[in-house]
N, C-alpha and C. Protein backbone atom coordinates (compact mmCIF):
# COMPACT_ATOMS: atom_id res chain seq x y z
N UNK A 1 66.02 112.62 69.88
CA UNK A 1 67.32 112.08 70.23
C UNK A 1 68.24 113.23 70.66
N UNK A 2 69.02 112.95 71.66
CA UNK A 2 69.90 113.97 72.22
C UNK A 2 71.13 114.18 71.34
N UNK A 3 71.51 115.44 71.18
CA UNK A 3 72.70 115.74 70.39
C UNK A 3 73.92 115.68 71.30
N UNK A 4 74.97 115.14 70.77
CA UNK A 4 76.22 115.06 71.52
C UNK A 4 77.10 116.23 71.10
N UNK A 5 77.54 116.98 72.09
CA UNK A 5 78.43 118.10 71.82
C UNK A 5 79.86 117.60 72.03
N UNK A 6 80.55 117.36 70.95
CA UNK A 6 81.89 116.78 71.03
C UNK A 6 82.90 117.73 71.65
N UNK A 7 82.67 119.02 71.53
CA UNK A 7 83.60 119.98 72.13
C UNK A 7 83.59 119.85 73.65
N UNK A 8 82.39 119.78 74.24
CA UNK A 8 82.29 119.62 75.69
C UNK A 8 82.86 118.26 76.11
N UNK A 9 82.53 117.25 75.32
CA UNK A 9 83.00 115.90 75.63
C UNK A 9 84.53 115.85 75.62
N UNK A 10 85.13 116.42 74.58
CA UNK A 10 86.59 116.42 74.48
C UNK A 10 87.22 117.22 75.62
N UNK A 11 86.60 118.35 75.97
CA UNK A 11 87.13 119.19 77.04
C UNK A 11 87.12 118.43 78.37
N UNK A 12 86.01 117.74 78.66
CA UNK A 12 85.92 116.97 79.90
C UNK A 12 86.95 115.84 79.92
N UNK A 13 87.11 115.18 78.79
CA UNK A 13 88.08 114.08 78.71
C UNK A 13 89.50 114.59 78.95
N UNK A 14 89.84 115.74 78.35
CA UNK A 14 91.18 116.30 78.53
C UNK A 14 91.41 116.71 79.98
N UNK A 15 90.40 117.30 80.62
CA UNK A 15 90.53 117.70 82.02
C UNK A 15 90.73 116.48 82.91
N UNK A 16 89.97 115.42 82.64
CA UNK A 16 90.11 114.20 83.43
C UNK A 16 91.49 113.59 83.22
N UNK A 17 91.97 113.62 81.98
CA UNK A 17 93.29 113.06 81.68
C UNK A 17 94.37 113.86 82.39
N UNK A 18 94.23 115.19 82.40
CA UNK A 18 95.21 116.03 83.09
C UNK A 18 95.22 115.73 84.58
N UNK A 19 94.02 115.56 85.17
CA UNK A 19 93.94 115.22 86.60
C UNK A 19 94.65 113.90 86.89
N UNK A 20 94.44 112.91 86.04
CA UNK A 20 95.07 111.61 86.25
C UNK A 20 96.58 111.72 86.09
N UNK A 21 97.04 112.48 85.11
CA UNK A 21 98.49 112.64 84.91
C UNK A 21 99.13 113.37 86.09
N UNK A 22 98.44 114.38 86.63
CA UNK A 22 98.97 115.09 87.80
C UNK A 22 99.06 114.16 89.00
N UNK A 23 98.04 113.34 89.18
CA UNK A 23 98.04 112.38 90.28
C UNK A 23 99.18 111.38 90.10
N UNK A 24 99.39 110.91 88.88
CA UNK A 24 100.48 109.97 88.61
C UNK A 24 101.83 110.61 88.92
N UNK A 25 101.99 111.86 88.52
CA UNK A 25 103.25 112.56 88.78
C UNK A 25 103.51 112.70 90.27
N UNK A 26 102.47 112.99 91.03
CA UNK A 26 102.63 113.11 92.48
C UNK A 26 103.03 111.78 93.09
N UNK A 27 102.46 110.69 92.59
CA UNK A 27 102.79 109.38 93.14
C UNK A 27 104.20 108.94 92.76
N UNK A 28 104.68 109.38 91.61
CA UNK A 28 106.01 108.98 91.16
C UNK A 28 107.12 109.81 91.80
N UNK A 29 106.77 110.95 92.38
CA UNK A 29 107.79 111.81 92.99
C UNK A 29 108.46 111.08 94.15
N UNK A 30 109.74 111.36 94.33
CA UNK A 30 110.46 110.81 95.46
C UNK A 30 109.92 111.43 96.74
N UNK A 31 109.83 110.63 97.75
CA UNK A 31 109.40 111.14 99.04
C UNK A 31 110.49 112.04 99.61
N UNK A 32 110.10 112.99 100.39
CA UNK A 32 111.06 113.89 101.01
C UNK A 32 111.93 113.11 101.98
N UNK A 33 113.19 113.48 102.06
CA UNK A 33 114.11 112.79 102.96
C UNK A 33 113.86 113.14 104.42
N UNK A 34 113.00 114.10 104.65
CA UNK A 34 112.73 114.50 106.03
C UNK A 34 111.88 113.46 106.76
N UNK A 35 111.30 112.54 106.00
CA UNK A 35 110.49 111.50 106.64
C UNK A 35 111.39 110.62 107.49
N UNK A 36 110.99 110.43 108.71
CA UNK A 36 111.81 109.63 109.62
C UNK A 36 111.58 108.15 109.35
N UNK A 37 112.64 107.41 109.31
CA UNK A 37 112.52 105.97 109.16
C UNK A 37 113.19 105.32 110.36
N UNK A 38 112.67 104.18 110.76
CA UNK A 38 113.16 103.52 111.94
C UNK A 38 113.78 102.19 111.55
N UNK A 39 114.85 101.86 112.22
CA UNK A 39 115.53 100.60 112.00
C UNK A 39 114.56 99.46 112.34
N UNK A 40 114.57 98.40 111.54
CA UNK A 40 113.66 97.28 111.76
C UNK A 40 113.89 96.61 113.11
N UNK A 41 115.16 96.45 113.49
CA UNK A 41 115.46 95.83 114.79
C UNK A 41 114.93 96.68 115.93
N UNK A 42 115.11 97.97 115.82
CA UNK A 42 114.62 98.88 116.85
C UNK A 42 113.09 98.83 116.91
N UNK A 43 112.46 98.79 115.77
CA UNK A 43 111.00 98.71 115.71
C UNK A 43 110.51 97.44 116.40
N UNK A 44 111.17 96.31 116.14
CA UNK A 44 110.78 95.05 116.75
C UNK A 44 110.99 95.08 118.27
N UNK A 45 112.11 95.65 118.71
CA UNK A 45 112.37 95.73 120.15
C UNK A 45 111.33 96.61 120.85
N UNK A 46 110.95 97.71 120.23
CA UNK A 46 109.91 98.56 120.82
C UNK A 46 108.58 97.82 120.90
N UNK A 47 108.28 97.02 119.87
CA UNK A 47 107.05 96.22 119.88
C UNK A 47 107.09 95.21 121.03
N UNK A 48 108.22 94.54 121.19
CA UNK A 48 108.35 93.56 122.28
C UNK A 48 108.21 94.23 123.64
N UNK A 49 108.82 95.41 123.82
CA UNK A 49 108.70 96.12 125.09
C UNK A 49 107.25 96.48 125.38
N UNK A 50 106.54 96.96 124.38
CA UNK A 50 105.13 97.32 124.56
C UNK A 50 104.29 96.09 124.89
N UNK A 51 104.58 94.98 124.23
CA UNK A 51 103.85 93.74 124.48
C UNK A 51 104.08 93.24 125.90
N UNK A 52 105.35 93.26 126.34
CA UNK A 52 105.66 92.82 127.71
C UNK A 52 105.02 93.73 128.74
N UNK A 53 105.02 95.02 128.48
CA UNK A 53 104.41 95.96 129.43
C UNK A 53 102.91 95.69 129.55
N UNK A 54 102.26 95.42 128.42
CA UNK A 54 100.83 95.12 128.44
C UNK A 54 100.56 93.86 129.24
N UNK A 55 101.40 92.83 129.05
CA UNK A 55 101.21 91.57 129.77
C UNK A 55 101.40 91.75 131.27
N UNK A 56 102.30 92.67 131.67
CA UNK A 56 102.52 92.91 133.09
C UNK A 56 101.36 93.69 133.72
N UNK A 57 100.69 94.50 132.94
CA UNK A 57 99.63 95.36 133.47
C UNK A 57 98.26 94.68 133.48
N UNK A 58 97.99 93.86 132.47
CA UNK A 58 96.65 93.30 132.29
C UNK A 58 96.71 91.78 132.32
N UNK A 59 95.73 91.18 132.99
CA UNK A 59 95.65 89.72 133.06
C UNK A 59 94.32 89.29 132.45
N UNK A 60 94.36 88.28 131.60
CA UNK A 60 93.14 87.78 130.97
C UNK A 60 92.49 86.78 131.91
N UNK A 61 91.22 87.02 132.27
CA UNK A 61 90.53 86.14 133.21
C UNK A 61 89.56 85.21 132.51
N UNK A 62 89.15 85.54 131.31
CA UNK A 62 88.22 84.71 130.56
C UNK A 62 88.09 85.26 129.15
N UNK A 63 87.20 84.64 128.39
CA UNK A 63 87.02 85.17 127.03
C UNK A 63 86.45 86.59 127.08
N UNK A 64 87.16 87.51 126.50
CA UNK A 64 86.78 88.92 126.45
C UNK A 64 86.73 89.57 127.84
N UNK A 65 87.42 89.00 128.82
CA UNK A 65 87.44 89.59 130.16
C UNK A 65 88.88 89.77 130.61
N UNK A 66 89.18 90.95 131.11
CA UNK A 66 90.52 91.28 131.57
C UNK A 66 90.43 91.99 132.90
N UNK A 67 91.53 91.93 133.67
CA UNK A 67 91.59 92.72 134.90
C UNK A 67 93.02 93.22 135.07
N UNK A 68 93.12 94.36 135.78
CA UNK A 68 94.44 94.93 136.04
C UNK A 68 95.11 94.16 137.15
N UNK A 69 96.41 93.98 137.06
CA UNK A 69 97.16 93.27 138.09
C UNK A 69 97.48 94.19 139.23
């Protein structure tokens, strides 16, 4: 029968716990304010512009078939 070395076991458990706690701390940190955020209305308008541009450039001719206008 294999002997269990509790010292190694405890050491591994503590290291794993420390790793998890460090990860939790990183996730709980406030994001930096340097991250750019975009207004929702502006985001929607940009989406609509891109959608309209795509519709003007490409025409659907059949299932899975497109051609340029």
